[in-house]
Protein backbone atom coordinates (compact mmCIF):
# COMPACT_ATOMS: atom_id res chain seq x y z
CA UNK A 1 -22.73 -10.28 -26.28
CA UNK A 2 -25.66 -11.14 -24.00
CA UNK A 3 -27.67 -8.46 -22.22
CA UNK A 4 -26.31 -9.64 -18.85
CA UNK A 5 -22.68 -9.41 -19.98
CA UNK A 6 -23.30 -5.98 -21.51
CA UNK A 7 -24.92 -4.81 -18.29
CA UNK A 8 -21.90 -5.88 -16.21
CA UNK A 9 -19.47 -4.30 -18.67
CA UNK A 10 -21.41 -1.04 -18.46
CA UNK A 11 -21.26 -1.19 -14.66
CA UNK A 12 -17.53 -1.82 -14.83
CA UNK A 13 -17.02 1.20 -17.07
CA UNK A 14 -19.08 3.37 -14.76
CA UNK A 15 -17.39 2.13 -11.57
CA UNK A 16 -13.89 2.56 -13.01
CA UNK A 17 -14.52 5.98 -14.50
CA UNK A 18 -13.33 7.74 -11.35
CA UNK A 19 -10.15 5.65 -11.18
CA UNK A 20 -8.97 3.05 -8.67
CA UNK A 21 -6.75 3.96 -5.72
CA UNK A 22 -4.01 1.48 -4.76
CA UNK A 23 -2.22 2.48 -1.57
CA UNK A 24 0.90 0.35 -1.92
CA UNK A 25 3.20 -0.25 -4.87
CA UNK A 26 6.98 -0.79 -4.76
CA UNK A 27 7.67 1.39 -7.78
CA UNK A 28 10.60 3.54 -6.53
CA UNK A 29 12.84 0.58 -5.70
CA UNK A 30 12.32 -0.82 -9.20
CA UNK A 31 13.07 2.55 -10.83
CA UNK A 32 16.24 2.76 -8.76
CA UNK A 33 17.44 -0.66 -9.93
CA UNK A 34 16.76 0.42 -13.53
CA UNK A 35 18.37 3.85 -13.11
CA UNK A 36 20.57 3.38 -16.17
CA UNK A 37 17.42 3.32 -18.34
CA UNK A 38 14.99 6.03 -19.37
CA UNK A 39 11.22 6.16 -19.79
CA UNK A 40 10.65 3.10 -17.60
CA UNK A 41 7.36 4.47 -16.27
CA UNK A 42 5.93 5.15 -19.68
CA UNK A 43 7.09 1.95 -21.37
CA UNK A 44 6.70 -0.64 -18.60
CA UNK A 45 3.99 0.64 -16.27
CA UNK A 46 1.67 3.18 -17.89
CA UNK A 47 -0.07 0.66 -20.20
CA UNK A 48 -0.98 -1.49 -17.19
CA UNK A 49 -2.16 1.54 -15.19
CA UNK A 50 -4.37 2.66 -18.06
CA UNK A 51 -5.85 -0.78 -18.66
CA UNK A 52 -6.78 -1.06 -14.98
CA UNK A 53 -8.06 2.54 -14.78
CA UNK A 54 -5.66 3.42 -11.98
CA UNK A 55 -6.33 6.91 -10.65
CA UNK A 56 -4.10 7.26 -7.58
CA UNK A 57 -1.09 5.16 -6.71
CA UNK A 58 0.89 5.25 -3.47
CA UNK A 59 4.51 4.49 -4.36
CA UNK A 60 6.66 3.27 -1.48
CA UNK A 61 10.28 4.05 -0.73
CA UNK A 62 11.68 0.82 0.70
CA UNK A 63 15.29 -0.01 1.53
CA UNK A 64 16.42 -3.61 1.13
CA UNK A 65 18.72 -5.18 3.73
CA UNK A 66 21.71 -5.07 1.42
CA UNK A 67 21.75 -1.25 1.60
CA UNK A 68 21.67 -1.08 5.41
CA UNK A 69 22.94 0.85 7.20
CA UNK A 70 25.60 2.78 5.32
CA UNK A 71 23.80 3.69 2.11
CA UNK A 72 20.11 3.63 3.09
CA UNK A 73 19.72 7.42 3.14
CA UNK A 74 21.36 7.81 -0.27
CA UNK A 75 19.31 5.00 -1.81
CA UNK A 76 16.07 6.47 -0.43
CA UNK A 77 16.90 9.88 -1.87
CA UNK A 78 17.93 8.29 -5.17
CA UNK A 79 14.63 6.40 -5.37
CA UNK A 80 12.73 9.66 -5.05
CA UNK A 81 15.06 11.34 -7.53
CA UNK A 82 14.40 8.61 -10.10
CA UNK A 83 10.67 9.05 -9.58
CA UNK A 84 10.87 12.78 -10.28
CA UNK A 85 13.10 12.19 -13.30
CA UNK A 86 10.65 9.69 -14.78
CA UNK A 87 7.71 12.05 -14.18
CA UNK A 88 9.45 14.71 -16.25
CA UNK A 89 9.20 12.49 -19.33
CA UNK A 90 5.82 10.91 -18.55
CA UNK A 91 3.33 13.75 -18.27
CA UNK A 92 0.40 11.39 -17.70
CA UNK A 93 1.48 11.03 -14.07
CA UNK A 94 1.89 13.66 -11.37
CA UNK A 95 3.49 13.58 -7.92
CA UNK A 96 0.92 15.04 -5.54
CA UNK A 97 1.46 16.47 -2.05
CA UNK A 98 -2.08 17.42 -1.03
CA UNK A 99 -5.69 16.40 -1.43
CA UNK A 100 -6.26 19.34 -3.77
CA UNK A 101 -3.30 18.33 -5.96
CA UNK A 102 -4.72 14.80 -6.18
CA UNK A 103 -8.09 16.23 -7.22
CA UNK A 104 -6.45 18.47 -9.82
CA UNK A 105 -4.45 15.60 -11.29
CA UNK A 106 -7.56 13.50 -11.66
CA UNK A 107 -9.55 16.40 -13.16
CA UNK A 108 -6.87 16.82 -15.83
CA UNK A 109 -6.71 13.10 -16.67
CA UNK A 110 -3.44 12.34 -14.92
CA UNK A 111 -2.61 9.53 -12.52
CA UNK A 112 -1.74 10.92 -9.10
CA UNK A 113 1.32 9.48 -7.35
CA UNK A 114 1.60 9.75 -3.58
CA UNK A 115 5.09 9.10 -2.23
CA UNK A 116 5.11 6.89 0.86
CA UNK A 117 7.79 5.32 3.03
CA UNK A 118 7.92 1.72 4.25
CA UNK A 119 10.32 1.76 7.18
CA UNK A 120 12.12 4.85 8.54
CA UNK A 121 15.66 3.45 8.25
CA UNK A 122 16.70 6.44 6.08
CA UNK A 123 16.08 8.75 9.08
CA UNK A 124 18.53 6.95 11.35
CA UNK A 125 17.66 8.79 14.56
CA UNK A 126 17.52 12.26 13.00
CA UNK A 127 13.98 13.64 13.21
CA UNK A 128 14.94 16.57 10.97
CA UNK A 129 15.19 14.13 8.07
CA UNK A 130 11.44 13.57 8.34
CA UNK A 131 11.01 17.22 7.40
CA UNK A 132 13.40 16.78 4.47
CA UNK A 133 11.42 13.83 3.10
CA UNK A 134 8.18 15.72 3.70
CA UNK A 135 9.45 18.57 1.53
CA UNK A 136 10.34 16.01 -1.15
CA UNK A 137 6.73 14.82 -1.15
CA UNK A 138 6.50 11.91 1.29
CA UNK A 139 2.92 11.91 2.60
CA UNK A 140 2.47 8.54 4.29
CA UNK A 141 4.92 6.69 6.53
CA UNK A 142 4.95 3.19 7.99
CA UNK A 143 7.53 3.04 10.75
CA UNK A 144 8.79 -0.47 9.97
CA UNK A 145 8.87 -3.31 7.53
CA UNK A 146 9.42 -6.78 9.00
CA UNK A 147 12.65 -5.88 10.77
CA UNK A 148 13.31 -3.71 13.81
CA UNK A 149 14.74 -0.21 13.46
CA UNK A 150 15.24 2.95 15.50
CA UNK A 151 11.49 3.60 15.66
CA UNK A 152 9.97 0.20 16.43
CA UNK A 153 9.56 -3.41 15.42
CA UNK A 154 7.94 -5.20 12.51
CA UNK A 155 5.33 -7.93 12.82
CA UNK A 156 6.55 -11.49 12.32
CA UNK A 157 5.59 -13.53 9.26
CA UNK A 158 4.44 -16.16 11.75
CA UNK A 159 1.54 -16.56 14.18
CA UNK A 160 3.75 -15.42 17.07
CA UNK A 161 7.26 -14.17 17.62
CA UNK A 162 7.23 -10.41 17.15
CA UNK A 163 9.22 -8.40 19.70
CA UNK A 164 6.95 -7.55 22.66
CA UNK A 165 8.15 -3.96 22.88
CA UNK A 166 6.21 -1.03 21.46
CA UNK A 167 7.69 2.09 19.88
CA UNK A 168 10.99 3.61 20.86
CA UNK A 169 11.14 7.22 22.06
CA UNK A 170 12.29 8.13 18.55
CA UNK A 171 9.36 6.25 17.08
CA UNK A 172 6.96 8.24 19.23
CA UNK A 173 8.63 11.45 18.07
CA UNK A 174 8.18 10.39 14.44
CA UNK A 175 4.49 9.67 15.00
CA UNK A 176 3.87 13.03 16.69
CA UNK A 177 5.75 14.89 13.94
CA UNK A 178 3.80 13.08 11.23
CA UNK A 179 0.51 14.19 12.78
CA UNK A 180 1.82 17.74 13.07
CA UNK A 181 2.97 17.90 9.44
CA UNK A 182 -0.03 16.15 7.92
CA UNK A 183 1.64 12.86 7.04
CA UNK A 184 -0.58 9.76 7.08
CA UNK A 185 0.59 7.20 9.63
CA UNK A 186 0.51 3.68 8.19
CA UNK A 187 0.23 0.70 10.56
CA UNK A 188 1.12 -1.93 7.94
CA UNK A 189 3.92 -4.23 9.14
CA UNK A 190 4.15 -2.82 12.68
CA UNK A 191 4.15 -5.41 15.49
CA UNK A 192 1.05 -5.71 17.72
CA UNK A 193 2.53 -3.69 20.58
CA UNK A 194 3.54 -0.90 18.20
CA UNK A 195 0.09 -1.00 16.59
CA UNK A 196 -1.59 -0.43 19.96
CA UNK A 197 0.81 2.33 20.95
CA UNK A 198 0.40 4.28 17.71
CA UNK A 199 -3.36 4.29 18.15
CA UNK A 200 -2.98 5.42 21.77
CA UNK A 201 -0.95 8.53 20.87
CA UNK A 202 -2.67 9.68 17.67
CA UNK A 203 -5.95 11.42 16.91
CA UNK A 204 -6.35 11.35 13.12
CA UNK A 205 -7.86 8.38 11.25
CA UNK A 206 -5.25 5.59 11.03
CA UNK A 207 -4.64 3.42 7.98
CA UNK A 208 -3.20 0.01 7.20
CA UNK A 209 -2.10 0.46 3.61
CA UNK A 210 -1.65 -3.20 2.65
CA UNK A 211 -2.59 -6.10 4.89
CA UNK A 212 -4.89 -9.08 5.20
CA UNK A 213 -6.96 -10.63 7.95
CA UNK A 214 -5.48 -13.20 10.28
CA UNK A 215 -8.49 -15.51 10.17
CA UNK A 216 -7.44 -16.55 6.63
CA UNK A 217 -3.66 -16.15 7.00
CA UNK A 218 -2.59 -16.23 10.64
CA UNK A 219 0.63 -14.26 10.81
CA UNK A 220 1.39 -11.20 12.92
CA UNK A 221 2.17 -9.23 9.79
CA UNK A 222 -1.58 -9.43 9.08
CA UNK A 223 -4.25 -7.94 11.35
CA UNK A 224 -6.57 -9.53 13.89
CA UNK A 225 -10.29 -8.93 14.28
CA UNK A 226 -9.57 -6.82 17.36
CA UNK A 227 -7.14 -4.65 15.39
CA UNK A 228 -9.66 -4.31 12.55
CA UNK A 229 -12.27 -3.07 15.02
CA UNK A 230 -9.78 -0.59 16.48
CA UNK A 231 -9.21 0.86 13.00
CA UNK A 232 -12.97 1.02 12.40
CA UNK A 233 -13.62 2.83 15.68
CA UNK A 234 -11.22 5.56 14.54
CA UNK A 235 -12.79 5.81 11.05
CA UNK A 236 -9.64 4.42 9.48
CA UNK A 237 -9.18 2.32 6.33
CA UNK A 238 -7.49 -1.02 5.66
CA UNK A 239 -6.09 -1.75 2.19
CA UNK A 240 -6.41 -5.42 1.26
CA UNK A 241 -3.20 -7.00 -0.01
CA UNK A 242 -3.04 -9.35 -3.02
CA UNK A 243 0.03 -11.34 -1.96
CA UNK A 244 -0.76 -12.67 1.53
CA UNK A 245 -4.31 -13.97 1.03
CA UNK A 246 -3.45 -17.55 2.00
CA UNK A 247 -0.42 -19.58 3.11
CA UNK A 248 -1.36 -22.07 0.38
CA UNK A 249 -0.93 -21.48 -3.32
CA UNK A 250 -4.12 -23.30 -4.30
CA UNK A 251 -6.14 -21.02 -2.00
CA UNK A 252 -4.58 -17.80 -3.30
CA UNK A 253 -7.52 -16.91 -5.50
CA UNK A 254 -9.65 -13.92 -6.36
CA UNK A 255 -12.47 -15.30 -4.24
CA UNK A 256 -10.20 -15.63 -1.20
CA UNK A 257 -9.01 -12.05 -1.78
CA UNK A 258 -12.64 -10.93 -1.68
CA UNK A 259 -13.17 -13.06 1.44
CA UNK A 260 -10.69 -10.72 3.16
CA UNK A 261 -12.64 -7.69 1.95
CA UNK A 262 -15.92 -9.20 3.15
CA UNK A 263 -14.47 -10.09 6.53
CA UNK A 264 -13.36 -6.52 7.18
CA UNK A 265 -16.64 -5.13 5.86
CA UNK A 266 -18.63 -7.45 8.12
CA UNK A 267 -16.69 -6.19 11.14
CA UNK A 268 -16.52 -2.44 10.48
CA UNK A 269 -18.53 -1.77 7.31
CA UNK A 270 -17.39 -1.00 3.77
CA UNK A 271 -16.31 2.48 4.92
CA UNK A 272 -13.24 0.80 6.40
CA UNK A 273 -12.06 -1.16 3.34
CA UNK A 274 -9.74 -0.05 0.55
CA UNK A 275 -7.18 -1.48 -1.86
CA UNK A 276 -3.48 -1.96 -1.19
CA UNK A 277 -2.59 -4.43 -3.90
CA UNK A 278 1.17 -4.62 -3.19
CA UNK A 279 1.78 -6.11 -6.64
CA UNK A 280 5.20 -7.66 -6.32
CA UNK A 281 5.52 -10.35 -8.95
CA UNK A 282 7.25 -8.06 -11.46
CA UNK A 283 10.09 -7.57 -8.97
CA UNK A 284 10.13 -11.16 -7.68
CA UNK A 285 10.52 -12.56 -11.20
CA UNK A 286 13.62 -10.43 -11.79
CA UNK A 287 15.41 -12.06 -8.86
CA UNK A 288 17.67 -15.11 -9.17
CA UNK A 289 16.41 -18.33 -7.58
CA UNK A 290 18.81 -17.89 -4.66
CA UNK A 291 17.21 -14.59 -3.73
CA UNK A 292 13.70 -16.01 -4.03
CA UNK A 293 14.69 -18.79 -1.64
CA UNK A 294 16.13 -16.20 0.75
CA UNK A 295 12.77 -14.40 0.78
CA UNK A 296 10.96 -17.66 1.55
CA UNK A 297 13.36 -18.44 4.39
CA UNK A 298 13.27 -14.98 5.94
CA UNK A 299 9.57 -14.18 5.44
CA UNK A 300 7.33 -16.41 3.33
CA UNK A 301 6.80 -17.72 -0.18
CA UNK A 302 4.54 -15.27 -2.04
CA UNK A 303 1.52 -16.74 -3.78
CA UNK A 304 0.30 -14.58 -6.64
CA UNK A 305 -3.38 -14.59 -7.60
CA UNK A 306 -3.62 -15.79 -11.24
CA UNK A 307 -6.15 -13.18 -12.37
CA UNK A 308 -4.88 -10.37 -10.13
CA UNK A 309 -1.16 -10.15 -10.89
CA UNK A 310 -0.78 -6.48 -11.84
CA UNK A 311 -2.74 -3.27 -12.24
CA UNK A 312 -4.09 -4.24 -15.65
CA UNK A 313 -6.17 -6.91 -13.86
CA UNK A 314 -8.05 -4.47 -11.62
CA UNK A 315 -11.26 -4.86 -13.60
CA UNK A 316 -11.21 -8.58 -12.77
CA UNK A 317 -11.55 -7.64 -9.12
CA UNK A 318 -14.42 -5.25 -9.74
CA UNK A 319 -16.23 -7.81 -11.88
CA UNK A 320 -15.95 -10.39 -9.11
CA UNK A 321 -17.15 -7.87 -6.50
CA UNK A 322 -20.26 -7.36 -8.66
CA UNK A 323 -20.76 -11.11 -8.97
CA UNK A 324 -20.39 -11.50 -5.19
CA UNK A 325 -23.28 -9.08 -4.64
CA UNK A 326 -21.56 -5.83 -3.67
CA UNK A 327 -23.58 -2.75 -4.58
CA UNK A 328 -22.18 0.04 -6.75
CA UNK A 329 -22.02 2.31 -3.70
CA UNK A 330 -20.01 -0.26 -1.75
CA UNK A 331 -17.65 -0.91 -4.66
CA UNK A 332 -16.99 2.79 -5.20
CA UNK A 333 -16.06 3.14 -1.54
CA UNK A 334 -13.68 0.19 -1.73
CA UNK A 335 -12.07 1.25 -5.02
CA UNK A 336 -11.46 4.92 -4.17
CA UNK A 337 -13.86 6.87 -1.96
CA UNK A 338 -12.60 5.62 1.40
CA UNK A 339 -8.99 6.51 0.55
CA UNK A 340 -10.08 9.90 -0.80
CA UNK A 341 -11.75 10.60 2.53
CA UNK A 342 -8.48 9.88 4.33
CA UNK A 343 -6.57 12.17 1.93
CA UNK A 344 -9.07 14.97 2.50
CA UNK A 345 -8.92 14.66 6.28
CA UNK A 346 -5.16 14.26 6.72
CA UNK A 347 -3.23 15.72 3.79
């Protein structure tokens, strides 16, 4: 081993010691589909988390179209139930409901899980259900996925075409209640009009848990330079997504992923950049070809970065950030400190 390689490896060890925070992972929906099995977390996921030095993981409750509308509430509750059941047999992870609980989990060597919600379909139009999910541990909510619901409208997976309307009256009620309870409001997936309206009626730092910049992938599901600046002005954080880095497979690379990070940092500083990997390949590969084609038709074809496919590859990202000239201070902010600031201020 050369001195230069040893030096980088030592920096990697030091930078990863505090753990990486990933603010979007579709874990609950996978646990639900595997509900007839036990110890899924420990056998299928924990080795990858450990290899990548994952410290905090936001796990998203998401309801697929096939469960709408009749069973979406039950499926959402069952996803959370499966998460709690798995935690009982995997003591290395802990569901956390506050900044202090996250700190405590990390101090005791456990991976902190933060339950989030991607789309409020399980609420219907019943605001009281927000309180129920809050008591169950939900601490971050994005009002929509790509579709429209009772709260608002999702951004199109195209350069234009999202509904022009902002939030519904119910959506505004959800936003106000989230701020009152101490639930982080996530602007990922919301359409441009909803994005603007959420910022106009909130006071706490906003987040975009998993998104990319439109200058490299011009779809409304991603965020424009103007939107990035709006987040920065409010001291918010944007988590960079590993799936939508380019519309072309040959450009879906680690360097292009870091181009998104650099673009945000150049506009609002490294204080506004975090990680929202949205690793999805493990679910996508379980689907039959017909379902993969349906995803491509409805949204887009996902292009997975070869050396950033799951949490075990997180050190590849950090190594490339070092090689691209990011300082240790900047990298630590991107990997965890910016998200920890949001947790401290909101939760």
